[in-house]
Amino acid sequence: MPRVTSLSAVTLAVADMARSVAFYEALGFELLYGGPESGFTSYRVGESYLNLQLSESTSEGIWGRAIWYVDDVDAFYANVLSSGLTPEFEPRDAPWRERYFHLRDPDGHELSFAKPLA
């Protein structure tokens, strides 16, 4: 039986492209297409992609969560802080054997940055 093996892309609706581009660039995402003045922007994140679609009908609130694996959760957290962003909590170890923290983007989408624990 065929199975899903990886995530290709997540597309998020955003209210202000320039604000969202600045946010994701502060996280170090690699811009592939679009930018602050575009209606659609795409980033490469490892072997996956994050797309931003400008939408006038966005509303803040949780829609779900995008989970990104990082090499070092604590170092990535320190980078987030030094970029002037405010995570929801400090990195912690979860009972499901991941170290992680959450951050909301400018439109309220919840992002989780994690690494499996050995």
PDB file of N, CA and C in Angstrom:
ATOM      1  N   MET A   1       0.849  -1.185   0.000  1.00  0.00           N
ATOM      2  CA  MET A   1       0.000   0.000   0.000  1.00  0.00           C
ATOM      3  C   MET A   1       0.889   1.242   0.000  1.00  0.00           C
ATOM      4  N   PRO A   2       0.594   2.222  -0.849  1.00  0.00           N
ATOM      5  CA  PRO A   2       1.375   3.467  -0.850  1.00  0.00           C
ATOM      6  C   PRO A   2       1.240   4.185   0.496  1.00  0.00           C
ATOM      7  N   ARG A   3       2.284   4.918   0.904  1.00  0.00           N
ATOM      8  CA  ARG A   3       2.243   5.661   2.163  1.00  0.00           C
ATOM      9  C   ARG A   3       2.838   7.043   1.993  1.00  0.00           C
ATOM     10  N   VAL A   4       2.421   7.932   2.835  1.00  0.00           N
ATOM     11  CA  VAL A   4       2.978   9.282   2.853  1.00  0.00           C
ATOM     12  C   VAL A   4       4.356   9.195   3.482  1.00  0.00           C
ATOM     13  N   THR A   5       5.372   9.778   2.841  1.00  0.00           N
ATOM     14  CA  THR A   5       6.735   9.683   3.356  1.00  0.00           C
ATOM     15  C   THR A   5       7.318  11.006   3.819  1.00  0.00           C
ATOM     16  N   SER A   6       6.733  12.142   3.424  1.00  0.00           N
ATOM     17  CA  SER A   6       7.271  13.424   3.869  1.00  0.00           C
ATOM     18  C   SER A   6       6.255  14.529   3.602  1.00  0.00           C
ATOM     19  N   LEU A   7       6.515  15.673   4.155  1.00  0.00           N
ATOM     20  CA  LEU A   7       5.681  16.845   3.929  1.00  0.00           C
ATOM     21  C   LEU A   7       6.297  17.660   2.800  1.00  0.00           C
ATOM     22  N   SER A   8       5.521  17.968   1.779  1.00  0.00           N
ATOM     23  CA  SER A   8       6.022  18.786   0.686  1.00  0.00           C
ATOM     24  C   SER A   8       5.955  20.257   1.050  1.00  0.00           C
ATOM     25  N   ALA A   9       4.753  20.727   1.450  1.00  0.00           N
ATOM     26  CA  ALA A   9       4.586  22.150   1.715  1.00  0.00           C
ATOM     27  C   ALA A   9       3.403  22.397   2.635  1.00  0.00           C
ATOM     28  N   VAL A  10       3.478  23.513   3.320  1.00  0.00           N
ATOM     29  CA  VAL A  10       2.368  24.059   4.086  1.00  0.00           C
ATOM     30  C   VAL A  10       2.111  25.434   3.496  1.00  0.00           C
ATOM     31  N   THR A  11       0.839  25.768   3.228  1.00  0.00           N
ATOM     32  CA  THR A  11       0.494  27.093   2.736  1.00  0.00           C
ATOM     33  C   THR A  11      -0.356  27.783   3.788  1.00  0.00           C
ATOM     34  N   LEU A  12       0.072  28.969   4.207  1.00  0.00           N
ATOM     35  CA  LEU A  12      -0.632  29.741   5.224  1.00  0.00           C
ATOM     36  C   LEU A  12      -1.207  31.011   4.601  1.00  0.00           C
ATOM     37  N   ALA A  13      -2.441  31.340   4.954  1.00  0.00           N
ATOM     38  CA  ALA A  13      -3.041  32.615   4.551  1.00  0.00           C
ATOM     39  C   ALA A  13      -2.514  33.692   5.481  1.00  0.00           C
ATOM     40  N   VAL A  14      -2.084  34.821   4.916  1.00  0.00           N
ATOM     41  CA  VAL A  14      -1.534  35.924   5.715  1.00  0.00           C
ATOM     42  C   VAL A  14      -2.240  37.227   5.356  1.00  0.00           C
ATOM     43  N   ALA A  15      -2.337  38.119   6.342  1.00  0.00           N
ATOM     44  CA  ALA A  15      -3.019  39.397   6.133  1.00  0.00           C
ATOM     45  C   ALA A  15      -2.077  40.481   5.620  1.00  0.00           C
ATOM     46  N   ASP A  16      -0.790  40.385   5.929  1.00  0.00           N
ATOM     47  CA  ASP A  16       0.194  41.413   5.570  1.00  0.00           C
ATOM     48  C   ASP A  16       1.466  40.703   5.127  1.00  0.00           C
ATOM     49  N   MET A  17       1.697  40.634   3.818  1.00  0.00           N
ATOM     50  CA  MET A  17       2.830  39.881   3.288  1.00  0.00           C
ATOM     51  C   MET A  17       4.158  40.438   3.772  1.00  0.00           C
ATOM     52  N   ALA A  18       4.330  41.742   3.779  1.00  0.00           N
ATOM     53  CA  ALA A  18       5.607  42.325   4.214  1.00  0.00           C
ATOM     54  C   ALA A  18       5.915  41.931   5.658  1.00  0.00           C
ATOM     55  N   ARG A  19       4.929  42.000   6.527  1.00  0.00           N
ATOM     56  CA  ARG A  19       5.103  41.630   7.934  1.00  0.00           C
ATOM     57  C   ARG A  19       5.455  40.144   8.057  1.00  0.00           C
ATOM     58  N   SER A  20       4.787  39.294   7.293  1.00  0.00           N
ATOM     59  CA  SER A  20       5.045  37.857   7.347  1.00  0.00           C
ATOM     60  C   SER A  20       6.409  37.512   6.768  1.00  0.00           C
ATOM     61  N   VAL A  21       6.795  38.154   5.672  1.00  0.00           N
ATOM     62  CA  VAL A  21       8.118  37.918   5.080  1.00  0.00           C
ATOM     63  C   VAL A  21       9.209  38.295   6.082  1.00  0.00           C
ATOM     64  N   ALA A  22       9.073  39.422   6.747  1.00  0.00           N
ATOM     65  CA  ALA A  22      10.063  39.832   7.754  1.00  0.00           C
ATOM     66  C   ALA A  22      10.155  38.795   8.877  1.00  0.00           C
ATOM     67  N   PHE A  23       9.015  38.266   9.312  1.00  0.00           N
ATOM     68  CA  PHE A  23       8.971  37.260  10.373  1.00  0.00           C
ATOM     69  C   PHE A  23       9.719  35.992   9.954  1.00  0.00           C
ATOM     70  N   TYR A  24       9.384  35.441   8.785  1.00  0.00           N
ATOM     71  CA  TYR A  24      10.006  34.185   8.353  1.00  0.00           C
ATOM     72  C   TYR A  24      11.470  34.365   7.968  1.00  0.00           C
ATOM     73  N   GLU A  25      11.844  35.535   7.479  1.00  0.00           N
ATOM     74  CA  GLU A  25      13.261  35.792   7.210  1.00  0.00           C
ATOM     75  C   GLU A  25      14.049  35.874   8.516  1.00  0.00           C
ATOM     76  N   ALA A  26      13.430  36.397   9.579  1.00  0.00           N
ATOM     77  CA  ALA A  26      14.093  36.437  10.887  1.00  0.00           C
ATOM     78  C   ALA A  26      14.355  35.022  11.406  1.00  0.00           C
ATOM     79  N   LEU A  27      13.519  34.062  10.986  1.00  0.00           N
ATOM     80  CA  LEU A  27      13.739  32.664  11.372  1.00  0.00           C
ATOM     81  C   LEU A  27      14.772  31.968  10.492  1.00  0.00           C
ATOM     82  N   GLY A  28      15.211  32.634   9.430  1.00  0.00           N
ATOM     83  CA  GLY A  28      16.238  32.069   8.558  1.00  0.00           C
ATOM     84  C   GLY A  28      15.707  31.214   7.424  1.00  0.00           C
ATOM     85  N   PHE A  29      14.411  31.304   7.102  1.00  0.00           N
ATOM     86  CA  PHE A  29      13.861  30.527   6.004  1.00  0.00           C
ATOM     87  C   PHE A  29      14.403  31.068   4.684  1.00  0.00           C
ATOM     88  N   GLU A  30      14.664  30.174   3.722  1.00  0.00           N
ATOM     89  CA  GLU A  30      15.263  30.545   2.435  1.00  0.00           C
ATOM     90  C   GLU A  30      14.181  30.944   1.424  1.00  0.00           C
ATOM     91  N   LEU A  31      14.170  32.216   1.043  1.00  0.00           N
ATOM     92  CA  LEU A  31      13.194  32.732   0.084  1.00  0.00           C
ATOM     93  C   LEU A  31      13.477  32.178  -1.313  1.00  0.00           C
ATOM     94  N   LEU A  32      12.439  31.604  -1.941  1.00  0.00           N
ATOM     95  CA  LEU A  32      12.568  31.081  -3.304  1.00  0.00           C
ATOM     96  C   LEU A  32      11.830  31.939  -4.314  1.00  0.00           C
ATOM     97  N   TYR A  33      10.686  32.496  -3.887  1.00  0.00           N
ATOM     98  CA  TYR A  33       9.824  33.212  -4.818  1.00  0.00           C
ATOM     99  C   TYR A  33       8.997  34.224  -4.037  1.00  0.00           C
ATOM    100  N   GLY A  34       8.716  35.348  -4.671  1.00  0.00           N
ATOM    101  CA  GLY A  34       7.851  36.349  -4.053  1.00  0.00           C
ATOM    102  C   GLY A  34       8.638  37.311  -3.189  1.00  0.00           C
ATOM    103  N   GLY A  35       8.036  37.745  -2.098  1.00  0.00           N
ATOM    104  CA  GLY A  35       8.663  38.701  -1.200  1.00  0.00           C
ATOM    105  C   GLY A  35       7.630  39.650  -0.625  1.00  0.00           C
ATOM    106  N   PRO A  36       8.085  40.731  -0.013  1.00  0.00           N
ATOM    107  CA  PRO A  36       7.198  41.643   0.714  1.00  0.00           C
ATOM    108  C   PRO A  36       6.050  42.234  -0.107  1.00  0.00           C
ATOM    109  N   GLU A  37       6.246  42.435  -1.402  1.00  0.00           N
ATOM    110  CA  GLU A  37       5.221  43.063  -2.247  1.00  0.00           C
ATOM    111  C   GLU A  37       4.389  42.052  -3.025  1.00  0.00           C
ATOM    112  N   SER A  38       4.649  40.774  -2.829  1.00  0.00           N
ATOM    113  CA  SER A  38       4.001  39.726  -3.618  1.00  0.00           C
ATOM    114  C   SER A  38       2.693  39.247  -2.981  1.00  0.00           C
ATOM    115  N   GLY A  39       1.829  38.664  -3.787  1.00  0.00           N
ATOM    116  CA  GLY A  39       0.611  38.037  -3.281  1.00  0.00           C
ATOM    117  C   GLY A  39       0.849  36.590  -2.882  1.00  0.00           C
ATOM    118  N   PHE A  40       1.983  36.024  -3.303  1.00  0.00           N
ATOM    119  CA  PHE A  40       2.341  34.642  -2.986  1.00  0.00           C
ATOM    120  C   PHE A  40       3.845  34.575  -2.794  1.00  0.00           C
ATOM    121  N   THR A  41       4.277  33.966  -1.695  1.00  0.00           N
ATOM    122  CA  THR A  41       5.700  33.835  -1.391  1.00  0.00           C
ATOM    123  C   THR A  41       5.985  32.398  -1.003  1.00  0.00           C
ATOM    124  N   SER A  42       7.132  31.887  -1.431  1.00  0.00           N
ATOM    125  CA  SER A  42       7.502  30.501  -1.136  1.00  0.00           C
ATOM    126  C   SER A  42       8.912  30.443  -0.550  1.00  0.00           C
ATOM    127  N   TYR A  43       9.063  29.625   0.481  1.00  0.00           N
ATOM    128  CA  TYR A  43      10.349  29.400   1.147  1.00  0.00           C
ATOM    129  C   TYR A  43      10.714  27.928   1.091  1.00  0.00           C
ATOM    130  N   ARG A  44      12.018  27.643   0.991  1.00  0.00           N
ATOM    131  CA  ARG A  44      12.508  26.278   1.162  1.00  0.00           C
ATOM    132  C   ARG A  44      12.890  26.146   2.624  1.00  0.00           C
ATOM    133  N   VAL A  45      12.445  25.048   3.246  1.00  0.00           N
ATOM    134  CA  VAL A  45      12.767  24.754   4.634  1.00  0.00           C
ATOM    135  C   VAL A  45      13.232  23.306   4.665  1.00  0.00           C
ATOM    136  N   GLY A  46      14.549  23.107   4.619  1.00  0.00           N
ATOM    137  CA  GLY A  46      15.066  21.742   4.505  1.00  0.00           C
ATOM    138  C   GLY A  46      14.622  21.170   3.172  1.00  0.00           C
ATOM    139  N   GLU A  47      13.924  20.030   3.216  1.00  0.00           N
ATOM    140  CA  GLU A  47      13.423  19.410   1.988  1.00  0.00           C
ATOM    141  C   GLU A  47      11.939  19.716   1.747  1.00  0.00           C
ATOM    142  N   SER A  48      11.373  20.608   2.547  1.00  0.00           N
ATOM    143  CA  SER A  48       9.969  20.982   2.423  1.00  0.00           C
ATOM    144  C   SER A  48       9.852  22.455   2.056  1.00  0.00           C
ATOM    145  N   TYR A  49       8.609  22.914   1.920  1.00  0.00           N
ATOM    146  CA  TYR A  49       8.363  24.289   1.522  1.00  0.00           C
ATOM    147  C   TYR A  49       7.288  24.914   2.398  1.00  0.00           C
ATOM    148  N   LEU A  50       7.414  26.209   2.618  1.00  0.00           N
ATOM    149  CA  LEU A  50       6.386  27.002   3.273  1.00  0.00           C
ATOM    150  C   LEU A  50       5.936  28.045   2.274  1.00  0.00           C
ATOM    151  N   ASN A  51       4.639  28.092   2.017  1.00  0.00           N
ATOM    152  CA  ASN A  51       4.068  29.080   1.113  1.00  0.00           C
ATOM    153  C   ASN A  51       3.205  30.044   1.915  1.00  0.00           C
ATOM    154  N   LEU A  52       3.247  31.312   1.552  1.00  0.00           N
ATOM    155  CA  LEU A  52       2.399  32.333   2.151  1.00  0.00           C
ATOM    156  C   LEU A  52       1.505  32.893   1.061  1.00  0.00           C
ATOM    157  N   GLN A  53       0.197  32.907   1.315  1.00  0.00           N
ATOM    158  CA  GLN A  53      -0.783  33.407   0.354  1.00  0.00           C
ATOM    159  C   GLN A  53      -1.480  34.617   0.958  1.00  0.00           C
ATOM    160  N   LEU A  54      -1.360  35.772   0.308  1.00  0.00           N
ATOM    161  CA  LEU A  54      -2.013  36.981   0.802  1.00  0.00           C
ATOM    162  C   LEU A  54      -3.525  36.813   0.735  1.00  0.00           C
ATOM    163  N   SER A  55      -4.205  37.107   1.843  1.00  0.00           N
ATOM    164  CA  SER A  55      -5.650  36.960   1.908  1.00  0.00           C
ATOM    165  C   SER A  55      -6.229  38.062   2.778  1.00  0.00           C
ATOM    166  N   GLU A  56      -7.229  38.732   2.281  1.00  0.00           N
ATOM    167  CA  GLU A  56      -7.871  39.796   3.057  1.00  0.00           C
ATOM    168  C   GLU A  56      -8.829  39.238   4.094  1.00  0.00           C
ATOM    169  N   SER A  57      -9.109  37.939   4.063  1.00  0.00           N
ATOM    170  CA  SER A  57     -10.102  37.370   4.973  1.00  0.00           C
ATOM    171  C   SER A  57      -9.488  36.535   6.087  1.00  0.00           C
ATOM    172  N   THR A  58      -8.239  36.776   6.453  1.00  0.00           N
ATOM    173  CA  THR A  58      -7.635  36.012   7.541  1.00  0.00           C
ATOM    174  C   THR A  58      -8.155  36.517   8.872  1.00  0.00           C
ATOM    175  N   SER A  59      -8.171  35.655   9.836  1.00  0.00           N
ATOM    176  CA  SER A  59      -8.526  36.047  11.199  1.00  0.00           C
ATOM    177  C   SER A  59      -7.596  35.315  12.146  1.00  0.00           C
ATOM    178  N   GLU A  60      -7.216  35.972  13.236  1.00  0.00           N
ATOM    179  CA  GLU A  60      -6.302  35.345  14.184  1.00  0.00           C
ATOM    180  C   GLU A  60      -6.980  34.187  14.882  1.00  0.00           C
ATOM    181  N   GLY A  61      -6.193  33.216  15.250  1.00  0.00           N
ATOM    182  CA  GLY A  61      -6.702  32.054  15.959  1.00  0.00           C
ATOM    183  C   GLY A  61      -6.007  30.809  15.479  1.00  0.00           C
ATOM    184  N   ILE A  62      -6.067  29.779  16.278  1.00  0.00           N
ATOM    185  CA  ILE A  62      -5.370  28.551  15.912  1.00  0.00           C
ATOM    186  C   ILE A  62      -6.151  27.799  14.834  1.00  0.00           C
ATOM    187  N   TRP A  63      -5.486  27.352  13.850  1.00  0.00           N
ATOM    188  CA  TRP A  63      -6.063  26.564  12.766  1.00  0.00           C
ATOM    189  C   TRP A  63      -5.508  25.149  12.843  1.00  0.00           C
ATOM    190  N   GLY A  64      -4.435  25.008  13.579  1.00  0.00           N
ATOM    191  CA  GLY A  64      -3.676  23.769  13.660  1.00  0.00           C
ATOM    192  C   GLY A  64      -2.250  24.144  13.990  1.00  0.00           C
ATOM    193  N   ARG A  65      -1.329  23.304  13.620  1.00  0.00           N
ATOM    194  CA  ARG A  65       0.070  23.576  13.948  1.00  0.00           C
ATOM    195  C   ARG A  65       0.960  23.003  12.855  1.00  0.00           C
ATOM    196  N   ALA A  66       1.960  23.767  12.436  1.00  0.00           N
ATOM    197  CA  ALA A  66       3.004  23.265  11.548  1.00  0.00           C
ATOM    198  C   ALA A  66       4.203  22.934  12.435  1.00  0.00           C
ATOM    199  N   ILE A  67       4.741  21.732  12.271  1.00  0.00           N
ATOM    200  CA  ILE A  67       5.873  21.298  13.091  1.00  0.00           C
ATOM    201  C   ILE A  67       7.104  21.194  12.196  1.00  0.00           C
ATOM    202  N   TRP A  68       8.139  21.920  12.604  1.00  0.00           N
ATOM    203  CA  TRP A  68       9.393  21.935  11.855  1.00  0.00           C
ATOM    204  C   TRP A  68      10.465  21.287  12.717  1.00  0.00           C
ATOM    205  N   TYR A  69      11.196  20.323  12.182  1.00  0.00           N
ATOM    206  CA  TYR A  69      12.328  19.755  12.901  1.00  0.00           C
ATOM    207  C   TYR A  69      13.540  20.655  12.702  1.00  0.00           C
ATOM    208  N   VAL A  70      14.301  20.857  13.777  1.00  0.00           N
ATOM    209  CA  VAL A  70      15.524  21.663  13.747  1.00  0.00           C
ATOM    210  C   VAL A  70      16.665  20.839  14.320  1.00  0.00           C
ATOM    211  N   ASP A  71      17.902  21.229  14.005  1.00  0.00           N
ATOM    212  CA  ASP A  71      19.075  20.498  14.480  1.00  0.00           C
ATOM    213  C   ASP A  71      19.274  20.610  15.981  1.00  0.00           C
ATOM    214  N   ASP A  72      19.021  21.795  16.528  1.00  0.00           N
ATOM    215  CA  ASP A  72      19.257  22.059  17.950  1.00  0.00           C
ATOM    216  C   ASP A  72      18.160  23.002  18.442  1.00  0.00           C
ATOM    217  N   VAL A  73      17.223  22.483  19.195  1.00  0.00           N
ATOM    218  CA  VAL A  73      16.067  23.263  19.638  1.00  0.00           C
ATOM    219  C   VAL A  73      16.490  24.465  20.472  1.00  0.00           C
ATOM    220  N   ASP A  74      17.418  24.266  21.406  1.00  0.00           N
ATOM    221  CA  ASP A  74      17.820  25.363  22.286  1.00  0.00           C
ATOM    222  C   ASP A  74      18.564  26.464  21.535  1.00  0.00           C
ATOM    223  N   ALA A  75      19.407  26.079  20.591  1.00  0.00           N
ATOM    224  CA  ALA A  75      20.127  27.071  19.788  1.00  0.00           C
ATOM    225  C   ALA A  75      19.151  27.826  18.881  1.00  0.00           C
ATOM    226  N   PHE A  76      18.178  27.108  18.317  1.00  0.00           N
ATOM    227  CA  PHE A  76      17.186  27.761  17.470  1.00  0.00           C
ATOM    228  C   PHE A  76      16.338  28.723  18.292  1.00  0.00           C
ATOM    229  N   TYR A  77      15.979  28.325  19.500  1.00  0.00           N
ATOM    230  CA  TYR A  77      15.229  29.189  20.414  1.00  0.00           C
ATOM    231  C   TYR A  77      16.017  30.467  20.706  1.00  0.00           C
ATOM    232  N   ALA A  78      17.314  30.327  20.977  1.00  0.00           N
ATOM    233  CA  ALA A  78      18.165  31.497  21.240  1.00  0.00           C
ATOM    234  C   ALA A  78      18.191  32.423  20.025  1.00  0.00           C
ATOM    235  N   ASN A  79      18.233  31.853  18.837  1.00  0.00           N
ATOM    236  CA  ASN A  79      18.202  32.641  17.604  1.00  0.00           C
ATOM    237  C   ASN A  79      16.895  33.405  17.469  1.00  0.00           C
ATOM    238  N   VAL A  80      15.781  32.741  17.790  1.00  0.00           N
ATOM    239  CA  VAL A  80      14.465  33.364  17.735  1.00  0.00           C
ATOM    240  C   VAL A  80      14.433  34.567  18.678  1.00  0.00           C
ATOM    241  N   LEU A  81      14.911  34.381  19.907  1.00  0.00           N
ATOM    242  CA  LEU A  81      14.946  35.478  20.878  1.00  0.00           C
ATOM    243  C   LEU A  81      15.820  36.626  20.385  1.00  0.00           C
ATOM    244  N   SER A  82      16.988  36.301  19.836  1.00  0.00           N
ATOM    245  CA  SER A  82      17.899  37.357  19.378  1.00  0.00           C
ATOM    246  C   SER A  82      17.344  38.100  18.165  1.00  0.00           C
ATOM    247  N   SER A  83      16.376  37.506  17.470  1.00  0.00           N
ATOM    248  CA  SER A  83      15.720  38.168  16.341  1.00  0.00           C
ATOM    249  C   SER A  83      14.585  39.073  16.796  1.00  0.00           C
ATOM    250  N   GLY A  84      14.337  39.114  18.112  1.00  0.00           N
ATOM    251  CA  GLY A  84      13.289  39.973  18.643  1.00  0.00           C
ATOM    252  C   GLY A  84      11.904  39.342  18.642  1.00  0.00           C
ATOM    253  N   LEU A  85      11.827  38.040  18.397  1.00  0.00           N
ATOM    254  CA  LEU A  85      10.547  37.346  18.387  1.00  0.00           C
ATOM    255  C   LEU A  85      10.270  36.764  19.774  1.00  0.00           C
ATOM    256  N   THR A  86       8.993  36.494  20.075  1.00  0.00           N
ATOM    257  CA  THR A  86       8.606  36.044  21.412  1.00  0.00           C
ATOM    258  C   THR A  86       7.907  34.687  21.351  1.00  0.00           C
ATOM    259  N   PRO A  87       8.619  33.610  21.655  1.00  0.00           N
ATOM    260  CA  PRO A  87       7.987  32.287  21.705  1.00  0.00           C
ATOM    261  C   PRO A  87       6.958  32.213  22.827  1.00  0.00           C
ATOM    262  N   GLU A  88       6.068  31.227  22.749  1.00  0.00           N
ATOM    263  CA  GLU A  88       5.041  31.049  23.771  1.00  0.00           C
ATOM    264  C   GLU A  88       5.610  30.470  25.067  1.00  0.00           C
ATOM    265  N   PHE A  89       6.707  29.710  24.974  1.00  0.00           N
ATOM    266  CA  PHE A  89       7.362  29.153  26.159  1.00  0.00           C
ATOM    267  C   PHE A  89       8.768  28.708  25.788  1.00  0.00           C
ATOM    268  N   GLU A  90       9.602  28.497  26.808  1.00  0.00           N
ATOM    269  CA  GLU A  90      10.969  28.027  26.604  1.00  0.00           C
ATOM    270  C   GLU A  90      10.958  26.569  26.150  1.00  0.00           C
ATOM    271  N   PRO A  91      12.040  26.109  25.510  1.00  0.00           N
ATOM    272  CA  PRO A  91      12.092  24.705  25.094  1.00  0.00           C
ATOM    273  C   PRO A  91      11.845  23.766  26.270  1.00  0.00           C
ATOM    274  N   ARG A  92      11.113  22.684  25.968  1.00  0.00           N
ATOM    275  CA  ARG A  92      10.821  21.686  26.994  1.00  0.00           C
ATOM    276  C   ARG A  92      10.813  20.299  26.364  1.00  0.00           C
ATOM    277  N   ASP A  93      10.998  19.300  27.219  1.00  0.00           N
ATOM    278  CA  ASP A  93      10.940  17.909  26.777  1.00  0.00           C
ATOM    279  C   ASP A  93       9.516  17.406  26.942  1.00  0.00           C
ATOM    280  N   ALA A  94       8.981  16.805  25.888  1.00  0.00           N
ATOM    281  CA  ALA A  94       7.608  16.302  25.898  1.00  0.00           C
ATOM    282  C   ALA A  94       7.589  14.807  26.205  1.00  0.00           C
ATOM    283  N   PRO A  95       6.480  14.325  26.765  1.00  0.00           N
ATOM    284  CA  PRO A  95       6.357  12.893  27.042  1.00  0.00           C
ATOM    285  C   PRO A  95       6.412  12.041  25.771  1.00  0.00           C
ATOM    286  N   TRP A  96       6.134  12.652  24.607  1.00  0.00           N
ATOM    287  CA  TRP A  96       6.197  11.906  23.344  1.00  0.00           C
ATOM    288  C   TRP A  96       7.613  11.909  22.759  1.00  0.00           C
ATOM    289  N   ARG A  97       8.602  12.298  23.597  1.00  0.00           N
ATOM    290  CA  ARG A  97      10.039  12.183  23.290  1.00  0.00           C
ATOM    291  C   ARG A  97      10.511  13.170  22.223  1.00  0.00           C
ATOM    292  N   GLU A  98      10.063  14.400  22.341  1.00  0.00           N
ATOM    293  CA  GLU A  98      10.585  15.491  21.522  1.00  0.00           C
ATOM    294  C   GLU A  98      10.900  16.657  22.440  1.00  0.00           C
ATOM    295  N   ARG A  99      11.926  17.419  22.085  1.00  0.00           N
ATOM    296  CA  ARG A  99      12.197  18.709  22.713  1.00  0.00           C
ATOM    297  C   ARG A  99      11.623  19.743  21.759  1.00  0.00           C
ATOM    298  N   TYR A 100      10.885  20.734  22.293  1.00  0.00           N
ATOM    299  CA  TYR A 100      10.173  21.645  21.401  1.00  0.00           C
ATOM    300  C   TYR A 100       9.837  22.963  22.091  1.00  0.00           C
ATOM    301  N   PHE A 101       9.443  23.940  21.265  1.00  0.00           N
ATOM    302  CA  PHE A 101       8.808  25.171  21.737  1.00  0.00           C
ATOM    303  C   PHE A 101       7.874  25.661  20.635  1.00  0.00           C
ATOM    304  N   HIS A 102       6.939  26.529  21.015  1.00  0.00           N
ATOM    305  CA  HIS A 102       5.975  27.081  20.056  1.00  0.00           C
ATOM    306  C   HIS A 102       6.186  28.576  19.873  1.00  0.00           C
ATOM    307  N   LEU A 103       5.815  29.024  18.691  1.00  0.00           N
ATOM    308  CA  LEU A 103       5.891  30.426  18.319  1.00  0.00           C
ATOM    309  C   LEU A 103       4.702  30.700  17.406  1.00  0.00           C
ATOM    310  N   ARG A 104       4.054  31.837  17.558  1.00  0.00           N
ATOM    311  CA  ARG A 104       2.964  32.204  16.645  1.00  0.00           C
ATOM    312  C   ARG A 104       3.491  33.193  15.616  1.00  0.00           C
ATOM    313  N   ASP A 105       3.056  33.009  14.369  1.00  0.00           N
ATOM    314  CA  ASP A 105       3.449  33.960  13.333  1.00  0.00           C
ATOM    315  C   ASP A 105       2.524  35.175  13.417  1.00  0.00           C
ATOM    316  N   PRO A 106       2.759  36.210  12.600  1.00  0.00           N
ATOM    317  CA  PRO A 106       1.961  37.431  12.707  1.00  0.00           C
ATOM    318  C   PRO A 106       0.451  37.240  12.509  1.00  0.00           C
ATOM    319  N   ASP A 107       0.037  36.149  11.861  1.00  0.00           N
ATOM    320  CA  ASP A 107      -1.393  35.907  11.647  1.00  0.00           C
ATOM    321  C   ASP A 107      -1.976  34.911  12.639  1.00  0.00           C
ATOM    322  N   GLY A 108      -1.205  34.532  13.668  1.00  0.00           N
ATOM    323  CA  GLY A 108      -1.706  33.648  14.702  1.00  0.00           C
ATOM    324  C   GLY A 108      -1.514  32.162  14.443  1.00  0.00           C
ATOM    325  N   HIS A 109      -0.861  31.790  13.332  1.00  0.00           N
ATOM    326  CA  HIS A 109      -0.590  30.378  13.064  1.00  0.00           C
ATOM    327  C   HIS A 109       0.431  29.873  14.072  1.00  0.00           C
ATOM    328  N   GLU A 110       0.189  28.694  14.645  1.00  0.00           N
ATOM    329  CA  GLU A 110       1.112  28.152  15.635  1.00  0.00           C
ATOM    330  C   GLU A 110       2.183  27.322  14.954  1.00  0.00           C
ATOM    331  N   LEU A 111       3.443  27.654  15.226  1.00  0.00           N
ATOM    332  CA  LEU A 111       4.588  26.936  14.693  1.00  0.00           C
ATOM    333  C   LEU A 111       5.284  26.231  15.842  1.00  0.00           C
ATOM    334  N   SER A 112       5.617  24.990  15.655  1.00  0.00           N
ATOM    335  CA  SER A 112       6.356  24.228  16.657  1.00  0.00           C
ATOM    336  C   SER A 112       7.711  23.877  16.064  1.00  0.00           C
ATOM    337  N   PHE A 113       8.758  24.115  16.832  1.00  0.00           N
ATOM    338  CA  PHE A 113      10.124  23.782  16.416  1.00  0.00           C
ATOM    339  C   PHE A 113      10.594  22.675  17.350  1.00  0.00           C
ATOM    340  N   ALA A 114      10.979  21.538  16.802  1.00  0.00           N
ATOM    341  CA  ALA A 114      11.204  20.346  17.609  1.00  0.00           C
ATOM    342  C   ALA A 114      12.371  19.512  17.105  1.00  0.00           C
ATOM    343  N   LYS A 115      12.800  18.577  17.992  1.00  0.00           N
ATOM    344  CA  LYS A 115      13.787  17.572  17.638  1.00  0.00           C
ATOM    345  C   LYS A 115      13.479  16.331  18.467  1.00  0.00           C
ATOM    346  N   PRO A 116      13.439  15.165  17.832  1.00  0.00           N
ATOM    347  CA  PRO A 116      13.213  13.953  18.604  1.00  0.00           C
ATOM    348  C   PRO A 116      14.331  13.741  19.627  1.00  0.00           C
ATOM    349  N   LEU A 117      13.953  13.270  20.804  1.00  0.00           N
ATOM    350  CA  LEU A 117      14.937  12.957  21.837  1.00  0.00           C
ATOM    351  C   LEU A 117      15.465  11.548  21.610  1.00  0.00           C
ATOM    352  N   ALA A 118      16.744  11.355  21.905  1.00  0.00           N
ATOM    353  CA  ALA A 118      17.353  10.037  21.704  1.00  0.00           C
ATOM    354  C   ALA A 118      16.858   9.039  22.728  1.00  0.00           C
TER     355      ALA A 118
END
